[in-house]
Amino acid sequence: MTQRKRIDSWLSDMDGVLVHEGRPVPGADEFIKRLSESGKKFRVLTNNSIYTPRDLSVRLAGAGLDVPSESIWTSALATAQFLDDQRSGGSAYVIGEAGLTTALHEVGYILTDLDPDYVVLGETRTYSFTQITRAIRLIEGGARFIATNPDPIGPSTEGSLPACGAVAALITKATGVAPYFVGKPNPRMMRSALNEIEAHSETTAMIGDRMDTDIVSGMEAGLFTILVLTGVTQRHEIDRFPYRPSLVVESVADLIELI
């Protein structure tokens, strides 16, 4: 375990860390309860831009986890904050669902397909060929291309679904324009969450289940990184990467005593 200052703030991925296939990871309820009772600042992060924080809070409650909506930070929120910083009061053509459109509306963005400043791509359950074609033509016309996250596939009960990264690749192939991805593994996702809770990187831990998104972005943001083995990356895969987490544990149940 790398020697660090004490952990005063916590960031945690959602899927694979707190829940797995819609069910709570053993110990996740006690971990969240201990965090809440400790008074320490925390945020639950997700690259999924479909849902609003309120939606996700209700979904987590259904899995037995009491996470208030204000403690959830999504790639949609990070994207809206980024666009507000870059071009306040701008306009965007959006392919996405309520999580993304609500976040953009809340920062004062105008959603339009008439000469927008940006094309913003997020996740949706039903990608439309018509929408994708419109996005391609707007980018060809000079709109800047932003995507919430680079995840190529997403899970479903029937199997994998094409996600934001895969559709972004299609648009890039057609236009020759690559998007700026705001979500993990961009460390900006971590830094924006840190800013939300007014935390310092030197005393914040990031918990994740993926070396190629959670751990690398946490590392690049200067956080203490913790890999749990309840999601994507397994123990035998860790050495394949040129970087290592600060700590590896079986699950969040092993972190309760650190709070």
Protein backbone atom coordinates (compact mmCIF):
# COMPACT_ATOMS: atom_id res chain seq x y z
CA MET A 1 0.00 0.00 0.00
CA THR A 2 1.51 3.30 -1.07
CA GLN A 3 2.14 5.67 1.86
CA ARG A 4 -0.29 8.54 1.62
CA LYS A 5 -1.92 11.16 3.74
CA ARG A 6 -5.10 10.01 5.43
CA ILE A 7 -8.16 9.67 3.20
CA ASP A 8 -10.63 12.47 3.88
CA SER A 9 -12.74 12.17 0.71
CA TRP A 10 -13.90 9.27 -1.44
CA LEU A 11 -14.83 8.81 -5.08
CA SER A 12 -16.31 5.50 -6.18
CA ASP A 13 -17.38 4.00 -9.46
CA MET A 14 -20.87 2.53 -9.45
CA ASP A 15 -21.18 -0.56 -11.65
CA GLY A 16 -18.81 -3.32 -10.59
CA VAL A 17 -18.02 -1.58 -7.31
CA LEU A 18 -21.32 -0.96 -5.55
CA VAL A 19 -23.66 -2.95 -7.78
CA HIS A 20 -23.16 -5.81 -10.19
CA GLU A 21 -25.85 -6.69 -12.74
CA GLY A 22 -28.39 -4.68 -10.76
CA ARG A 23 -27.61 -6.32 -7.42
CA PRO A 24 -25.64 -4.81 -4.55
CA VAL A 25 -22.09 -6.03 -4.06
CA PRO A 26 -21.83 -7.69 -0.62
CA GLY A 27 -20.75 -5.04 1.88
CA ALA A 28 -21.71 -2.09 -0.33
CA ASP A 29 -24.66 -1.12 1.87
CA GLU A 30 -22.46 -1.01 4.98
CA PHE A 31 -19.75 0.87 3.08
CA ILE A 32 -22.19 3.59 1.98
CA LYS A 33 -23.73 3.75 5.45
CA ARG A 34 -20.32 4.17 7.07
CA LEU A 35 -19.40 6.88 4.57
CA SER A 36 -22.61 8.79 5.25
CA GLU A 37 -22.24 8.51 9.01
CA SER A 38 -18.59 9.57 8.92
CA GLY A 39 -19.40 12.96 7.46
CA LYS A 40 -16.63 12.53 4.89
CA LYS A 41 -17.29 13.94 1.46
CA PHE A 42 -17.93 11.44 -1.33
CA ARG A 43 -19.28 11.07 -4.83
CA VAL A 44 -20.44 8.01 -6.74
CA LEU A 45 -19.28 8.28 -10.35
CA THR A 46 -20.62 6.75 -13.53
CA ASN A 47 -19.86 7.13 -17.23
CA ASN A 48 -23.49 6.35 -17.99
CA SER A 49 -25.17 9.51 -19.27
CA ILE A 50 -28.67 8.08 -19.75
CA TYR A 51 -29.98 8.76 -16.24
CA THR A 52 -30.20 11.85 -14.06
CA PRO A 53 -28.71 11.64 -10.55
CA ARG A 54 -32.25 11.39 -9.17
CA ASP A 55 -32.97 8.44 -11.47
CA LEU A 56 -29.78 6.71 -10.36
CA SER A 57 -30.49 7.36 -6.69
CA VAL A 58 -33.84 5.61 -7.04
CA ARG A 59 -32.24 2.70 -8.92
CA LEU A 60 -29.61 2.31 -6.22
CA ALA A 61 -32.31 2.45 -3.54
CA GLY A 62 -33.97 -0.46 -5.33
CA ALA A 63 -30.74 -2.38 -4.80
CA GLY A 64 -30.74 -1.47 -1.11
CA LEU A 65 -28.17 1.34 -1.33
CA ASP A 66 -29.02 4.75 0.13
CA VAL A 67 -27.12 7.20 -2.07
CA PRO A 68 -28.67 10.69 -2.30
CA SER A 69 -28.88 12.22 -5.76
CA GLU A 70 -26.53 15.05 -4.78
CA SER A 71 -23.81 12.45 -4.12
CA ILE A 72 -23.90 11.11 -7.70
CA TRP A 73 -21.68 12.52 -10.46
CA THR A 74 -22.29 11.42 -14.06
CA SER A 75 -20.46 11.93 -17.33
CA ALA A 76 -23.49 13.98 -18.41
CA LEU A 77 -22.98 16.42 -15.53
CA ALA A 78 -19.25 16.58 -16.23
CA THR A 79 -19.95 17.22 -19.92
CA ALA A 80 -22.42 20.01 -19.14
CA GLN A 81 -19.92 21.61 -16.77
CA PHE A 82 -17.17 21.36 -19.38
CA LEU A 83 -19.32 23.01 -22.05
CA ASP A 84 -20.42 25.74 -19.66
CA ASP A 85 -16.75 26.45 -18.89
CA GLN A 86 -15.81 26.45 -22.57
CA ARG A 87 -18.71 28.37 -24.07
CA SER A 88 -21.27 29.57 -21.54
CA GLY A 89 -24.81 29.88 -22.89
CA GLY A 90 -23.96 27.96 -26.05
CA SER A 91 -26.01 25.60 -28.17
CA ALA A 92 -25.80 21.89 -28.91
CA TYR A 93 -27.34 19.17 -31.02
CA VAL A 94 -27.69 16.27 -28.61
CA ILE A 95 -27.98 12.54 -29.15
CA GLY A 96 -28.83 11.20 -25.72
CA GLU A 97 -31.46 10.83 -23.07
CA ALA A 98 -32.76 12.71 -20.04
CA GLY A 99 -29.54 12.51 -18.05
CA LEU A 100 -27.68 14.49 -20.73
CA THR A 101 -30.40 16.84 -21.94
CA THR A 102 -31.37 17.77 -18.37
CA ALA A 103 -27.75 18.50 -17.43
CA LEU A 104 -27.30 20.75 -20.47
CA HIS A 105 -30.58 22.58 -19.85
CA GLU A 106 -29.54 23.21 -16.24
CA VAL A 107 -26.39 25.06 -17.34
CA GLY A 108 -28.40 27.17 -19.75
CA TYR A 109 -27.60 25.44 -23.04
CA ILE A 110 -29.95 25.69 -26.01
CA LEU A 111 -30.65 22.34 -27.67
CA THR A 112 -31.07 22.77 -31.41
CA ASP A 113 -30.21 21.25 -34.78
CA LEU A 114 -29.85 24.69 -36.38
CA ASP A 115 -26.18 25.67 -36.57
CA PRO A 116 -25.24 24.48 -33.04
CA ASP A 117 -21.90 25.22 -31.43
CA TYR A 118 -21.50 21.54 -30.55
CA VAL A 119 -22.69 18.06 -31.41
CA VAL A 120 -22.90 16.22 -28.09
CA LEU A 121 -23.11 12.44 -28.15
CA GLY A 122 -24.18 10.37 -25.16
CA GLU A 123 -25.84 7.03 -24.58
CA THR A 124 -29.36 6.18 -25.61
CA ARG A 125 -31.29 2.94 -25.69
CA THR A 126 -32.30 3.61 -29.31
CA TYR A 127 -29.63 5.20 -31.50
CA SER A 128 -31.33 6.69 -34.53
CA PHE A 129 -29.75 6.56 -37.99
CA THR A 130 -31.51 9.82 -38.75
CA GLN A 131 -29.96 11.49 -35.71
CA ILE A 132 -26.51 10.12 -36.48
CA THR A 133 -26.78 11.37 -40.07
CA ARG A 134 -27.79 14.82 -38.81
CA ALA A 135 -24.83 14.83 -36.40
CA ILE A 136 -22.44 13.95 -39.24
CA ARG A 137 -23.72 16.78 -41.42
CA LEU A 138 -23.55 19.32 -38.58
CA ILE A 139 -19.96 18.33 -37.80
CA GLU A 140 -19.11 18.60 -41.50
CA GLY A 141 -20.61 22.09 -41.29
CA GLY A 142 -18.29 23.11 -38.47
CA ALA A 143 -19.95 22.01 -35.20
CA ARG A 144 -17.48 20.85 -32.57
CA PHE A 145 -17.76 17.19 -31.55
CA ILE A 146 -18.08 16.21 -27.88
CA ALA A 147 -18.89 12.77 -26.44
CA THR A 148 -19.73 11.93 -22.85
CA ASN A 149 -17.52 8.83 -22.66
CA PRO A 150 -15.54 6.39 -24.82
CA ASP A 151 -17.18 3.16 -23.60
CA PRO A 152 -17.70 1.04 -26.74
CA ILE A 153 -20.34 -1.30 -25.31
CA GLY A 154 -22.83 -1.36 -22.49
CA PRO A 155 -24.45 -4.27 -20.67
CA SER A 156 -28.02 -5.50 -20.96
CA THR A 157 -29.89 -8.63 -19.95
CA GLU A 158 -29.72 -9.80 -23.58
CA GLY A 159 -25.98 -9.11 -23.96
CA SER A 160 -23.77 -6.25 -25.12
CA LEU A 161 -25.20 -3.08 -26.63
CA PRO A 162 -23.32 -0.50 -28.72
CA ALA A 163 -22.54 2.47 -26.50
CA CYS A 164 -21.24 6.00 -26.89
CA GLY A 165 -17.69 5.10 -27.94
CA ALA A 166 -18.84 2.79 -30.74
CA VAL A 167 -21.24 5.36 -32.19
CA ALA A 168 -18.59 8.07 -31.85
CA ALA A 169 -16.25 5.88 -33.91
CA LEU A 170 -18.90 5.64 -36.63
CA ILE A 171 -19.27 9.44 -36.73
CA THR A 172 -15.50 9.91 -36.73
CA LYS A 173 -15.12 7.47 -39.61
CA ALA A 174 -17.70 9.41 -41.60
CA THR A 175 -16.38 12.91 -40.81
CA GLY A 176 -12.69 12.48 -40.03
CA VAL A 177 -13.34 14.41 -36.80
CA ALA A 178 -12.58 12.78 -33.45
CA PRO A 179 -14.62 13.85 -30.41
CA TYR A 180 -13.37 15.17 -27.10
CA PHE A 181 -14.40 12.55 -24.53
CA VAL A 182 -15.23 14.06 -21.13
CA GLY A 183 -15.87 10.91 -19.06
CA LYS A 184 -13.42 8.34 -17.75
CA PRO A 185 -10.58 7.70 -18.46
CA ASN A 186 -10.28 11.47 -18.91
CA PRO A 187 -8.95 12.65 -15.50
CA ARG A 188 -11.15 15.72 -15.95
CA MET A 189 -14.05 13.54 -14.75
CA MET A 190 -12.19 13.03 -11.46
CA ARG A 191 -11.14 16.65 -11.12
CA SER A 192 -14.66 17.92 -11.74
CA ALA A 193 -15.97 15.56 -9.03
CA LEU A 194 -13.23 16.77 -6.67
CA ASN A 195 -14.27 20.35 -7.32
CA GLU A 196 -17.88 19.48 -6.56
CA ILE A 197 -16.98 18.31 -3.05
CA GLU A 198 -14.15 20.82 -2.58
CA ALA A 199 -11.69 17.98 -1.96
CA HIS A 200 -7.95 17.76 -2.51
CA SER A 201 -6.40 15.05 -4.66
CA GLU A 202 -3.75 14.24 -2.04
CA THR A 203 -6.38 13.17 0.50
CA THR A 204 -8.93 11.54 -1.83
CA ALA A 205 -9.30 7.89 -2.84
CA MET A 206 -10.83 6.59 -6.07
CA ILE A 207 -12.40 3.12 -6.01
CA GLY A 208 -12.92 1.34 -9.31
CA ASP A 209 -13.21 -2.07 -10.93
CA ARG A 210 -11.46 -1.27 -14.23
CA MET A 211 -7.77 -0.63 -14.68
CA ASP A 212 -8.28 1.04 -18.08
CA THR A 213 -10.80 3.66 -16.93
CA ASP A 214 -11.19 4.07 -13.17
CA ILE A 215 -7.62 3.41 -12.07
CA VAL A 216 -5.80 5.22 -14.88
CA SER A 217 -7.96 8.33 -14.58
CA GLY A 218 -7.66 8.33 -10.81
CA MET A 219 -3.90 7.95 -11.07
CA GLU A 220 -3.62 10.78 -13.60
CA ALA A 221 -5.70 13.01 -11.33
CA GLY A 222 -3.27 12.32 -8.47
CA LEU A 223 -5.64 10.24 -6.33
CA PHE A 224 -5.04 7.20 -4.13
CA THR A 225 -6.44 4.44 -6.36
CA ILE A 226 -8.15 1.29 -5.11
CA LEU A 227 -9.03 -1.60 -7.42
CA VAL A 228 -11.84 -3.92 -6.30
CA LEU A 229 -12.13 -7.36 -7.86
CA THR A 230 -15.93 -7.44 -8.09
CA GLY A 231 -16.16 -6.10 -11.63
CA VAL A 232 -14.22 -6.13 -14.89
CA THR A 233 -10.50 -6.38 -14.05
CA GLN A 234 -9.39 -9.59 -12.35
CA ARG A 235 -6.28 -10.05 -10.24
CA HIS A 236 -4.30 -11.94 -12.90
CA GLU A 237 -4.84 -9.07 -15.38
CA ILE A 238 -3.34 -6.30 -13.24
CA ASP A 239 0.26 -6.92 -14.30
CA ARG A 240 -0.67 -6.47 -17.96
CA PHE A 241 -0.92 -2.73 -17.38
CA PRO A 242 2.08 -0.36 -17.19
CA TYR A 243 0.64 1.27 -14.05
CA ARG A 244 -0.64 -0.17 -10.78
CA PRO A 245 -3.37 0.76 -8.31
CA SER A 246 -2.30 1.99 -4.89
CA LEU A 247 -4.28 -0.83 -3.28
CA VAL A 248 -6.08 -3.99 -4.43
CA VAL A 249 -8.94 -5.49 -2.39
CA GLU A 250 -11.57 -8.13 -2.98
CA SER A 251 -14.51 -5.72 -2.53
CA VAL A 252 -15.65 -2.50 -0.88
CA ALA A 253 -16.40 -4.58 2.22
CA ASP A 254 -12.63 -4.57 2.81
CA LEU A 255 -12.55 -0.76 2.86
CA ILE A 256 -15.07 -0.12 5.61
CA GLU A 257 -12.38 0.03 8.29
CA LEU A 258 -10.47 2.70 6.30
CA ILE A 259 -13.32 5.21 6.56
